[in-house]
C-alpha atoms as a PDB file:
ATOM      1  CA  MET A   1      -5.693-167.938 -52.620  1.00  0.00           C
ATOM      2  CA  SER A   2      -8.715-166.410 -54.465  1.00  0.00           C
ATOM      3  CA  VAL A   3      -7.550-163.448 -56.376  1.00  0.00           C
ATOM      4  CA  THR A   4     -10.273-160.803 -58.070  1.00  0.00           C
ATOM      5  CA  ALA A   5      -9.360-159.210 -61.048  1.00  0.00           C
ATOM      6  CA  LEU A   6     -10.721-155.812 -61.901  1.00  0.00           C
ATOM      7  CA  ARG A   7     -11.203-154.958 -65.068  1.00  0.00           C
ATOM      8  CA  PRO A   8     -13.671-151.833 -66.909  1.00  0.00           C
ATOM      9  CA  ALA A   9     -17.102-154.154 -68.453  1.00  0.00           C
ATOM     10  CA  SER A  10     -16.921-152.497 -71.653  1.00  0.00           C
ATOM     11  CA  PRO A  11     -15.350-149.459 -73.251  1.00  0.00           C
ATOM     12  CA  SER A  12     -18.138-147.373 -72.804  1.00  0.00           C
ATOM     13  CA  LEU A  13     -18.481-147.254 -68.707  1.00  0.00           C
ATOM     14  CA  ILE A  14     -14.693-145.584 -68.655  1.00  0.00           C
ATOM     15  CA  VAL A  15     -15.372-141.721 -68.604  1.00  0.00           C
ATOM     16  CA  GLU A  16     -12.116-139.711 -69.546  1.00  0.00           C
ATOM     17  CA  ALA A  17     -11.164-137.520 -67.555  1.00  0.00           C
ATOM     18  CA  ASP A  18      -7.891-135.302 -66.153  1.00  0.00           C
ATOM     19  CA  TRP A  19      -6.630-136.314 -63.249  1.00  0.00           C
ATOM     20  CA  ARG A  20      -3.400-133.984 -63.450  1.00  0.00           C
ATOM     21  CA  LEU A  21      -2.331-133.004 -59.853  1.00  0.00           C
ATOM     22  CA  PRO A  22       0.858-130.789 -59.436  1.00  0.00           C
ATOM     23  CA  SER A  23       4.121-132.346 -58.845  1.00  0.00           C
ATOM     24  CA  GLY A  24       5.202-132.160 -55.446  1.00  0.00           C
ATOM     25  CA  GLN A  25       5.110-133.661 -51.911  1.00  0.00           C
ATOM     26  CA  PRO A  26       1.561-134.675 -50.587  1.00  0.00           C
ATOM     27  CA  LEU A  27      -1.302-131.852 -49.793  1.00  0.00           C
ATOM     28  CA  GLN A  28      -2.119-131.928 -46.043  1.00  0.00           C
ATOM     29  CA  ARG A  29      -5.221-130.477 -44.445  1.00  0.00           C
ATOM     30  CA  TYR A  30      -4.926-131.489 -40.729  1.00  0.00           C
ATOM     31  CA  GLY A  31      -7.841-132.170 -39.388  1.00  0.00           C
ATOM     32  CA  LEU A  32      -9.475-133.070 -42.575  1.00  0.00           C
ATOM     33  CA  CYS A  33      -7.770-134.995 -45.685  1.00  0.00           C
ATOM     34  CA  ALA A  34      -4.440-135.873 -47.138  1.00  0.00           C
ATOM     35  CA  LEU A  35      -4.005-136.277 -50.693  1.00  0.00           C
ATOM     36  CA  ALA A  36      -0.829-137.490 -52.621  1.00  0.00           C
ATOM     37  CA  GLN A  37      -0.061-138.615 -56.290  1.00  0.00           C
ATOM     38  CA  PRO A  38       2.480-141.746 -56.625  1.00  0.00           C
ATOM     39  CA  HIS A  39       4.467-141.743 -59.431  1.00  0.00           C
ATOM     40  CA  LEU A  40       6.592-144.731 -60.047  1.00  0.00           C
ATOM     41  CA  ARG A  41       8.702-145.588 -63.250  1.00  0.00           C
ATOM     42  CA  THR A  42      10.004-149.724 -61.213  1.00  0.00           C
ATOM     43  CA  PRO A  43       8.258-151.955 -60.079  1.00  0.00           C
ATOM     44  CA  GLN A  44       7.743-151.978 -56.194  1.00  0.00           C
ATOM     45  CA  GLN A  45       6.648-154.084 -53.657  1.00  0.00           C
ATOM     46  CA  THR A  46       5.986-153.096 -49.744  1.00  0.00           C
ATOM     47  CA  THR A  47       5.373-155.743 -47.108  1.00  0.00           C
ATOM     48  CA  CYS A  48       2.936-155.022 -44.442  1.00  0.00           C
ATOM     49  CA  PHE A  49       1.878-151.335 -45.364  1.00  0.00           C
ATOM     50  CA  HIS A  50      -0.762-149.956 -42.966  1.00  0.00           C
ATOM     51  CA  PHE A  51      -3.657-147.681 -44.174  1.00  0.00           C
ATOM     52  CA  TYR A  52      -3.685-145.380 -40.593  1.00  0.00           C
ATOM     53  CA  GLU A  53      -6.745-143.788 -41.914  1.00  0.00           C
ATOM     54  CA  ALA A  54     -10.336-144.166 -43.891  1.00  0.00           C
ATOM     55  CA  THR A  55      -8.395-144.241 -47.740  1.00  0.00           C
ATOM     56  CA  LEU A  56     -10.044-143.942 -51.282  1.00  0.00           C
ATOM     57  CA  LEU A  57      -7.553-144.827 -53.846  1.00  0.00           C
ATOM     58  CA  LEU A  58      -8.040-144.611 -57.446  1.00  0.00           C
ATOM     59  CA  VAL A  59      -5.158-146.277 -59.731  1.00  0.00           C
ATOM     60  CA  LEU A  60      -4.502-143.687 -63.324  1.00  0.00           C
ATOM     61  CA  SER A  61      -2.144-145.897 -64.926  1.00  0.00           C
ATOM     62  CA  GLY A  62      -0.223-149.314 -64.303  1.00  0.00           C
ATOM     63  CA  GLN A  63      -1.547-151.777 -61.798  1.00  0.00           C
ATOM     64  CA  LEU A  64      -1.663-152.370 -58.157  1.00  0.00           C
ATOM     65  CA  THR A  65      -2.189-155.846 -56.407  1.00  0.00           C
ATOM     66  CA  ILE A  66      -3.272-155.708 -52.243  1.00  0.00           C
ATOM     67  CA  LEU A  67      -2.666-159.057 -50.872  1.00  0.00           C
ATOM     68  CA  GLU A  68      -4.482-159.369 -47.463  1.00  0.00           C
ATOM     69  CA  GLN A  69      -4.776-162.399 -45.836  1.00  0.00           C
ATOM     70  CA  ASP A  70      -4.908-165.195 -48.643  1.00  0.00           C
ATOM     71  CA  THR A  71      -7.074-162.554 -50.820  1.00  0.00           C
ATOM     72  CA  ALA A  72      -5.265-160.811 -53.518  1.00  0.00           C
ATOM     73  CA  THR A  73      -7.020-157.775 -55.680  1.00  0.00           C
ATOM     74  CA  VAL A  74      -5.882-156.760 -59.034  1.00  0.00           C
ATOM     75  CA  ILE A  75      -6.780-153.048 -60.297  1.00  0.00           C
ATOM     76  CA  ASP A  76      -5.485-152.159 -63.639  1.00  0.00           C
ATOM     77  CA  THR A  77      -8.007-150.037 -64.551  1.00  0.00           C
ATOM     78  CA  SER A  78      -9.102-146.450 -63.836  1.00  0.00           C
ATOM     79  CA  SER A  79     -12.877-146.907 -64.045  1.00  0.00           C
ATOM     80  CA  GLN A  80     -12.497-148.013 -60.358  1.00  0.00           C
ATOM     81  CA  LEU A  81     -12.140-146.977 -56.930  1.00  0.00           C
ATOM     82  CA  CYS A  82     -10.789-148.820 -54.272  1.00  0.00           C
ATOM     83  CA  LEU A  83     -11.863-148.018 -50.710  1.00  0.00           C
ATOM     84  CA  ILE A  84      -9.880-149.023 -47.778  1.00  0.00           C
ATOM     85  CA  THR A  85     -10.900-149.012 -43.768  1.00  0.00           C
ATOM     86  CA  PRO A  86      -8.836-147.461 -41.075  1.00  0.00           C
ATOM     87  CA  ASP A  87      -6.484-149.916 -39.736  1.00  0.00           C
ATOM     88  CA  ALA A  88      -6.287-152.257 -42.868  1.00  0.00           C
ATOM     89  CA  SER A  89      -2.973-153.672 -43.640  1.00  0.00           C
ATOM     90  CA  ALA A  90      -1.769-155.513 -47.240  1.00  0.00           C
ATOM     91  CA  ASP A  91       1.086-156.063 -49.248  1.00  0.00           C
ATOM     92  CA  LEU A  92       1.125-154.406 -52.187  1.00  0.00           C
ATOM     93  CA  THR A  93       2.892-154.909 -55.300  1.00  0.00           C
ATOM     94  CA  LYS A  94       2.855-151.703 -57.878  1.00  0.00           C
ATOM     95  CA  MET A  95       3.488-152.407 -61.272  1.00  0.00           C
ATOM     96  CA  PRO A  96       3.910-149.549 -63.973  1.00  0.00           C
ATOM     97  CA  GLY A  97       1.844-149.542 -67.546  1.00  0.00           C
ATOM     98  CA  GLY A  98      -0.067-147.506 -69.643  1.00  0.00           C
ATOM     99  CA  HIS A  99       1.254-145.224 -72.407  1.00  0.00           C
ATOM    100  CA  ASP A 100       3.759-143.785 -70.099  1.00  0.00           C
ATOM    101  CA  SER A 101       5.064-146.955 -68.563  1.00  0.00           C
ATOM    102  CA  ALA A 102       3.908-145.633 -65.102  1.00  0.00           C
ATOM    103  CA  PHE A 103       2.727-146.315 -62.108  1.00  0.00           C
ATOM    104  CA  ARG A 104       0.565-143.304 -60.991  1.00  0.00           C
ATOM    105  CA  SER A 105      -2.630-143.083 -58.494  1.00  0.00           C
ATOM    106  CA  ILE A 106      -4.352-140.830 -56.402  1.00  0.00           C
ATOM    107  CA  PHE A 107      -4.680-140.898 -52.951  1.00  0.00           C
ATOM    108  CA  LEU A 108      -6.901-139.260 -50.669  1.00  0.00           C
ATOM    109  CA  THR A 109      -7.087-140.113 -46.657  1.00  0.00           C
ATOM    110  CA  PHE A 110     -10.133-138.731 -44.587  1.00  0.00           C
ATOM    111  CA  SER A 111      -8.750-138.068 -40.967  1.00  0.00           C
ATOM    112  CA  PRO A 112     -10.917-139.969 -37.897  1.00  0.00           C
ATOM    113  CA  MET A 113     -11.967-135.904 -36.896  1.00  0.00           C
ATOM    114  CA  LEU A 114     -13.787-135.795 -40.343  1.00  0.00           C
ATOM    115  CA  LEU A 115     -15.640-139.129 -40.438  1.00  0.00           C
ATOM    116  CA  ALA A 116     -17.017-138.107 -36.577  1.00  0.00           C
ATOM    117  CA  HIS A 117     -17.967-134.732 -37.946  1.00  0.00           C
ATOM    118  CA  PHE A 118     -19.855-135.924 -40.994  1.00  0.00           C
ATOM    119  CA  TYR A 119     -21.678-138.345 -38.807  1.00  0.00           C
ATOM    120  CA  HIS A 120     -22.806-136.233 -36.489  1.00  0.00           C
ATOM    121  CA  ARG A 121     -23.642-133.972 -38.936  1.00  0.00           C
ATOM    122  CA  TYR A 122     -25.593-137.391 -40.837  1.00  0.00           C
ATOM    123  CA  PRO A 123     -26.825-139.730 -38.049  1.00  0.00           C
ATOM    124  CA  ASP A 124     -28.638-141.465 -40.355  1.00  0.00           C
ATOM    125  CA  GLU A 125     -25.237-142.595 -42.491  1.00  0.00           C
ATOM    126  CA  CYS A 126     -23.885-143.854 -39.237  1.00  0.00           C
ATOM    127  CA  VAL A 127     -24.906-147.762 -40.011  1.00  0.00           C
ATOM    128  CA  PRO A 128     -22.920-149.300 -42.906  1.00  0.00           C
ATOM    129  CA  ILE A 129     -25.507-150.960 -44.612  1.00  0.00           C
ATOM    130  CA  TYR A 130     -23.288-153.987 -44.342  1.00  0.00           C
ATOM    131  CA  PRO A 131     -20.143-154.414 -42.403  1.00  0.00           C
ATOM    132  CA  PRO A 132     -17.330-152.883 -44.652  1.00  0.00           C
ATOM    133  CA  ARG A 133     -14.471-155.203 -45.754  1.00  0.00           C
ATOM    134  CA  PRO A 134     -10.532-153.722 -45.344  1.00  0.00           C
ATOM    135  CA  PHE A 135     -10.260-153.709 -49.276  1.00  0.00           C
ATOM    136  CA  THR A 136     -13.754-153.074 -51.366  1.00  0.00           C
ATOM    137  CA  THR A 137     -13.852-151.663 -54.790  1.00  0.00           C
ATOM    138  CA  LEU A 138     -16.291-149.708 -56.522  1.00  0.00           C
ATOM    139  CA  ALA A 139     -17.245-148.938 -59.703  1.00  0.00           C
ATOM    140  CA  LEU A 140     -16.896-144.878 -60.949  1.00  0.00           C
ATOM    141  CA  ASP A 141     -19.926-143.363 -62.595  1.00  0.00           C
ATOM    142  CA  ASP A 142     -20.312-139.819 -64.220  1.00  0.00           C
ATOM    143  CA  GLU A 143     -21.180-138.138 -60.521  1.00  0.00           C
ATOM    144  CA  LEU A 144     -18.685-140.053 -58.624  1.00  0.00           C
ATOM    145  CA  ILE A 145     -16.339-138.833 -61.092  1.00  0.00           C
ATOM    146  CA  ASN A 146     -17.229-135.030 -61.259  1.00  0.00           C
ATOM    147  CA  THR A 147     -17.344-135.484 -57.073  1.00  0.00           C
ATOM    148  CA  LEU A 148     -14.015-136.652 -56.723  1.00  0.00           C
ATOM    149  CA  GLN A 149     -12.721-134.556 -59.510  1.00  0.00           C
ATOM    150  CA  HIS A 150     -14.214-131.568 -57.273  1.00  0.00           C
ATOM    151  CA  LEU A 151     -12.963-132.211 -54.040  1.00  0.00           C
ATOM    152  CA  VAL A 152      -9.444-132.775 -55.722  1.00  0.00           C
ATOM    153  CA  GLU A 153      -9.467-129.327 -57.546  1.00  0.00           C
ATOM    154  CA  GLY A 154     -10.231-127.743 -54.001  1.00  0.00           C
ATOM    155  CA  ILE A 155      -7.715-129.641 -52.439  1.00  0.00           C
ATOM    156  CA  THR A 156      -5.159-128.640 -54.754  1.00  0.00           C
ATOM    157  CA  GLY A 157      -6.378-125.396 -55.280  1.00  0.00           C
ATOM    158  CA  ASN A 158      -5.468-124.839 -51.759  1.00  0.00           C
ATOM    159  CA  LYS A 159      -7.912-121.746 -51.939  1.00  0.00           C
ATOM    160  CA  LEU A 160     -10.629-123.167 -49.906  1.00  0.00           C
ATOM    161  CA  ASN A 161     -10.762-122.470 -46.198  1.00  0.00           C
ATOM    162  CA  GLU A 162     -11.595-125.407 -44.050  1.00  0.00           C
ATOM    163  CA  SER A 163     -15.456-125.129 -44.020  1.00  0.00           C
ATOM    164  CA  ARG A 164     -15.855-125.377 -47.145  1.00  0.00           C
ATOM    165  CA  LEU A 165     -13.220-127.909 -47.878  1.00  0.00           C
ATOM    166  CA  GLU A 166     -14.753-129.980 -45.751  1.00  0.00           C
ATOM    167  CA  LEU A 167     -18.304-129.848 -47.044  1.00  0.00           C
ATOM    168  CA  ARG A 168     -16.550-131.183 -50.137  1.00  0.00           C
ATOM    169  CA  LEU A 169     -15.133-134.273 -48.276  1.00  0.00           C
ATOM    170  CA  MET A 170     -18.808-134.675 -46.615  1.00  0.00           C
ATOM    171  CA  ASP A 171     -20.183-134.253 -49.942  1.00  0.00           C
ATOM    172  CA  MET A 172     -17.665-137.212 -51.246  1.00  0.00           C
ATOM    173  CA  LEU A 173     -18.820-138.971 -48.415  1.00  0.00           C
ATOM    174  CA  LEU A 174     -22.678-138.531 -49.262  1.00  0.00           C
ATOM    175  CA  VAL A 175     -21.556-140.013 -52.661  1.00  0.00           C
ATOM    176  CA  LEU A 176     -20.364-143.179 -51.672  1.00  0.00           C
ATOM    177  CA  SER A 177     -23.671-143.316 -49.043  1.00  0.00           C
ATOM    178  CA  GLU A 178     -25.370-143.624 -52.116  1.00  0.00           C
ATOM    179  CA  ARG A 179     -23.747-146.278 -53.638  1.00  0.00           C
ATOM    180  CA  GLY A 180     -24.067-148.466 -50.308  1.00  0.00           C
ATOM    181  CA  TYR A 181     -20.686-147.594 -49.211  1.00  0.00           C
ATOM    182  CA  ARG A 182     -19.860-146.240 -45.765  1.00  0.00           C
ATOM    183  CA  PHE A 183     -16.426-145.939 -43.367  1.00  0.00           C
ATOM    184  CA  GLY A 184     -18.479-145.859 -40.102  1.00  0.00           C
ATOM    185  CA  VAL A 185     -17.916-144.179 -36.952  1.00  0.00           C
ATOM    186  CA  PRO A 186     -14.401-144.223 -35.933  1.00  0.00           C
ATOM    187  CA  PRO A 187     -14.045-145.381 -32.498  1.00  0.00           C
ATOM    188  CA  GLN A 188     -12.275-143.007 -29.823  1.00  0.00           C
ATOM    189  CA  PRO A 189      -9.022-143.097 -30.884  1.00  0.00           C
ATOM    190  CA  SER A 190      -6.489-144.615 -28.995  1.00  0.00           C
ATOM    191  CA  VAL A 191      -3.148-143.165 -27.375  1.00  0.00           C
ATOM    192  CA  THR A 192      -1.297-144.923 -29.990  1.00  0.00           C
ATOM    193  CA  ALA A 193      -3.480-143.109 -32.540  1.00  0.00           C
ATOM    194  CA  GLN A 194      -3.048-139.878 -31.214  1.00  0.00           C
ATOM    195  CA  LEU A 195       0.595-140.514 -30.558  1.00  0.00           C
ATOM    196  CA  ARG A 196       0.564-141.436 -34.447  1.00  0.00           C
ATOM    197  CA  THR A 197      -1.317-138.123 -35.499  1.00  0.00           C
ATOM    198  CA  LEU A 198       1.041-136.021 -33.690  1.00  0.00           C
ATOM    199  CA  ILE A 199       4.119-137.481 -35.613  1.00  0.00           C
ATOM    200  CA  SER A 200       2.596-137.398 -39.011  1.00  0.00           C
ATOM    201  CA  GLU A 201       2.153-133.916 -38.369  1.00  0.00           C
ATOM    202  CA  GLU A 202       5.564-133.161 -37.843  1.00  0.00           C
ATOM    203  CA  PRO A 203       7.352-136.172 -38.885  1.00  0.00           C
ATOM    204  CA  GLU A 204      10.613-133.958 -39.420  1.00  0.00           C
ATOM    205  CA  HIS A 205      10.828-132.880 -35.524  1.00  0.00           C
ATOM    206  CA  HIS A 206      13.051-134.525 -32.923  1.00  0.00           C
ATOM    207  CA  TRP A 207      10.402-136.779 -30.876  1.00  0.00           C
ATOM    208  CA  THR A 208      11.162-138.025 -27.818  1.00  0.00           C
ATOM    209  CA  ALA A 209       9.061-140.157 -25.560  1.00  0.00           C
ATOM    210  CA  GLN A 210       9.260-137.006 -23.194  1.00  0.00           C
ATOM    211  CA  SER A 211       8.082-134.046 -25.389  1.00  0.00           C
ATOM    212  CA  ALA A 212       5.838-136.247 -27.192  1.00  0.00           C
ATOM    213  CA  GLY A 213       4.369-137.334 -23.452  1.00  0.00           C
ATOM    214  CA  ARG A 214       3.922-133.258 -23.014  1.00  0.00           C
ATOM    215  CA  ARG A 215       1.875-132.741 -26.013  1.00  0.00           C
ATOM    216  CA  LEU A 216      -0.565-135.418 -25.258  1.00  0.00           C
ATOM    217  CA  ALA A 217      -0.521-134.314 -21.467  1.00  0.00           C
ATOM    218  CA  MET A 218       0.532-137.076 -20.108  1.00  0.00           C
ATOM    219  CA  SER A 219       4.244-137.789 -18.472  1.00  0.00           C
ATOM    220  CA  GLU A 220       6.879-140.085 -20.143  1.00  0.00           C
ATOM    221  CA  ALA A 221       6.196-142.872 -17.651  1.00  0.00           C
ATOM    222  CA  THR A 222       2.382-142.963 -18.645  1.00  0.00           C
ATOM    223  CA  LEU A 223       2.979-142.812 -22.478  1.00  0.00           C
ATOM    224  CA  ARG A 224       5.213-145.875 -21.873  1.00  0.00           C
ATOM    225  CA  ARG A 225       2.611-147.679 -20.181  1.00  0.00           C
ATOM    226  CA  ARG A 226      -0.432-147.075 -21.673  1.00  0.00           C
ATOM    227  CA  LEU A 227       1.600-147.713 -25.330  1.00  0.00           C
ATOM    228  CA  SER A 228       2.632-151.068 -23.726  1.00  0.00           C
ATOM    229  CA  ALA A 229      -0.949-151.757 -22.737  1.00  0.00           C
ATOM    230  CA  GLU A 230      -1.852-151.487 -26.188  1.00  0.00           C
ATOM    231  CA  GLN A 231       1.059-153.736 -27.356  1.00  0.00           C
ATOM    232  CA  THR A 232       3.547-151.475 -29.375  1.00  0.00           C
ATOM    233  CA  ARG A 233       6.661-149.407 -28.112  1.00  0.00           C
ATOM    234  CA  PHE A 234       7.097-145.346 -28.624  1.00  0.00           C
ATOM    235  CA  GLU A 235      10.244-146.100 -31.033  1.00  0.00           C
ATOM    236  CA  VAL A 236       8.540-148.996 -33.022  1.00  0.00           C
ATOM    237  CA  LEU A 237       5.713-146.401 -33.849  1.00  0.00           C
ATOM    238  CA  LEU A 238       7.744-143.136 -34.726  1.00  0.00           C
ATOM    239  CA  LEU A 239       9.861-145.350 -36.806  1.00  0.00           C
ATOM    240  CA  GLU A 240       7.006-147.034 -38.348  1.00  0.00           C
ATOM    241  CA  THR A 241       5.103-143.426 -39.229  1.00  0.00           C
ATOM    242  CA  ARG A 242       8.400-142.065 -40.242  1.00  0.00           C
ATOM    243  CA  MET A 243       9.209-144.227 -43.212  1.00  0.00           C
ATOM    244  CA  GLN A 244       5.618-144.412 -44.280  1.00  0.00           C
ATOM    245  CA  HIS A 245       6.041-140.835 -44.484  1.00  0.00           C
ATOM    246  CA  ALA A 246       9.237-141.176 -46.437  1.00  0.00           C
ATOM    247  CA  MET A 247       7.514-143.745 -48.772  1.00  0.00           C
ATOM    248  CA  MET A 248       5.226-141.554 -49.437  1.00  0.00           C
ATOM    249  CA  LEU A 249       7.410-138.361 -50.573  1.00  0.00           C
ATOM    250  CA  VAL A 250       9.747-140.929 -52.488  1.00  0.00           C
ATOM    251  CA  GLN A 251       6.965-141.762 -54.590  1.00  0.00           C
ATOM    252  CA  THR A 252       5.620-138.677 -54.809  1.00  0.00           C
ATOM    253  CA  THR A 253       9.083-135.875 -55.034  1.00  0.00           C
ATOM    254  CA  SER A 254      12.251-135.706 -56.625  1.00  0.00           C
ATOM    255  CA  TRP A 255      13.680-134.166 -53.729  1.00  0.00           C
ATOM    256  CA  SER A 256      17.514-135.338 -52.962  1.00  0.00           C
ATOM    257  CA  MET A 257      18.067-138.003 -50.085  1.00  0.00           C
ATOM    258  CA  GLN A 258      19.642-135.206 -47.728  1.00  0.00           C
ATOM    259  CA  ARG A 259      16.151-133.181 -48.257  1.00  0.00           C
ATOM    260  CA  LEU A 260      13.406-136.355 -47.787  1.00  0.00           C
ATOM    261  CA  ALA A 261      16.005-137.640 -44.801  1.00  0.00           C
ATOM    262  CA  GLU A 262      15.336-134.055 -42.930  1.00  0.00           C
ATOM    263  CA  ALA A 263      11.689-134.396 -43.717  1.00  0.00           C
ATOM    264  CA  CYS A 264      11.727-137.656 -41.539  1.00  0.00           C
ATOM    265  CA  GLY A 265      13.413-136.640 -38.861  1.00  0.00           C
ATOM    266  CA  TYR A 266      16.914-137.577 -39.847  1.00  0.00           C
ATOM    267  CA  LYS A 267      20.052-135.698 -40.142  1.00  0.00           C
ATOM    268  CA  SER A 268      22.190-138.266 -42.021  1.00  0.00           C
ATOM    269  CA  SER A 269      20.764-138.989 -45.551  1.00  0.00           C
ATOM    270  CA  ALA A 270      23.311-142.548 -45.105  1.00  0.00           C
ATOM    271  CA  ARG A 271      20.682-143.655 -42.025  1.00  0.00           C
ATOM    272  CA  PHE A 272      18.019-142.568 -43.790  1.00  0.00           C
ATOM    273  CA  SER A 273      18.301-144.602 -46.179  1.00  0.00           C
ATOM    274  CA  GLU A 274      19.813-147.369 -44.048  1.00  0.00           C
ATOM    275  CA  ARG A 275      16.364-147.571 -41.653  1.00  0.00           C
ATOM    276  CA  PHE A 276      14.443-147.219 -45.344  1.00  0.00           C
ATOM    277  CA  LYS A 277      16.224-150.548 -46.736  1.00  0.00           C
ATOM    278  CA  THR A 278      15.989-152.459 -43.758  1.00  0.00           C
ATOM    279  CA  ARG A 279      11.722-151.800 -43.433  1.00  0.00           C
ATOM    280  CA  PHE A 280      10.972-151.481 -47.384  1.00  0.00           C
ATOM    281  CA  GLY A 281      13.578-153.907 -48.377  1.00  0.00           C
ATOM    282  CA  CYS A 282      15.586-151.284 -50.924  1.00  0.00           C
ATOM    283  CA  SER A 283      16.710-148.471 -50.928  1.00  0.00           C
ATOM    284  CA  PRO A 284      14.744-144.915 -52.309  1.00  0.00           C
ATOM    285  CA  THR A 285      16.513-144.646 -54.946  1.00  0.00           C
ATOM    286  CA  LYS A 286      15.808-147.781 -56.126  1.00  0.00           C
ATOM    287  CA  ILE A 287      11.857-147.100 -56.372  1.00  0.00           C
ATOM    288  CA  ARG A 288      12.295-143.881 -58.312  1.00  0.00           C
END
């Protein structure tokens, strides 16, 4: 196994920045992006975490180990970004650290629709300079920090309309491109991807294959047949999408178990906790 440890080369490369975000649930702007700031006081291991969308990750405090096949990347500095391609999967280990003995990070996703608009507007940026690896690290510099902070403020302030926020997101993508990183043009969404997006926008909804098929303009039988052709099932996708949403809520809010359960489509907090433990190996209360 190869291990890559990422640490700042010298203190002069670290630019002090205020990355504080308001507490509460992740912020989502449909068709554009989602932003969360996980905050953990205890170590946490997650197996086979799936990054469905293009993701930018910044570790603010503590240590993150990403194990992808036989390659481990250890990030324990806020002077590096981690850029993650859509559909990447890895085992994650988060360890608290720093002056407040916590793990904190910024987790920003770019929607496929945003990426499609970006590469349509900037066709010269379509072709990756080199094929991006599933997990790529990039050193922060002043311009990257300023651009990211400006974007984060725009999302958390919740005062920008979609057009203005889209411009800030595209500016972030342009700055990354200038430094040699491009996510690439997203493919046409599969039925699996369409269904996952539908569920993730309303994970609390009482979803059935029939109601989901209706939203996607197809019958339940057609939906199940097309999902089978893509080697998945409705029930599996529904559970996994809800559980990944649950993991993010557990790490970013102080909600009660009942409220968490309802936000993920469960009436019973006991049933919710059972599903969570089956998926992640521990109960939600053990993570906080």
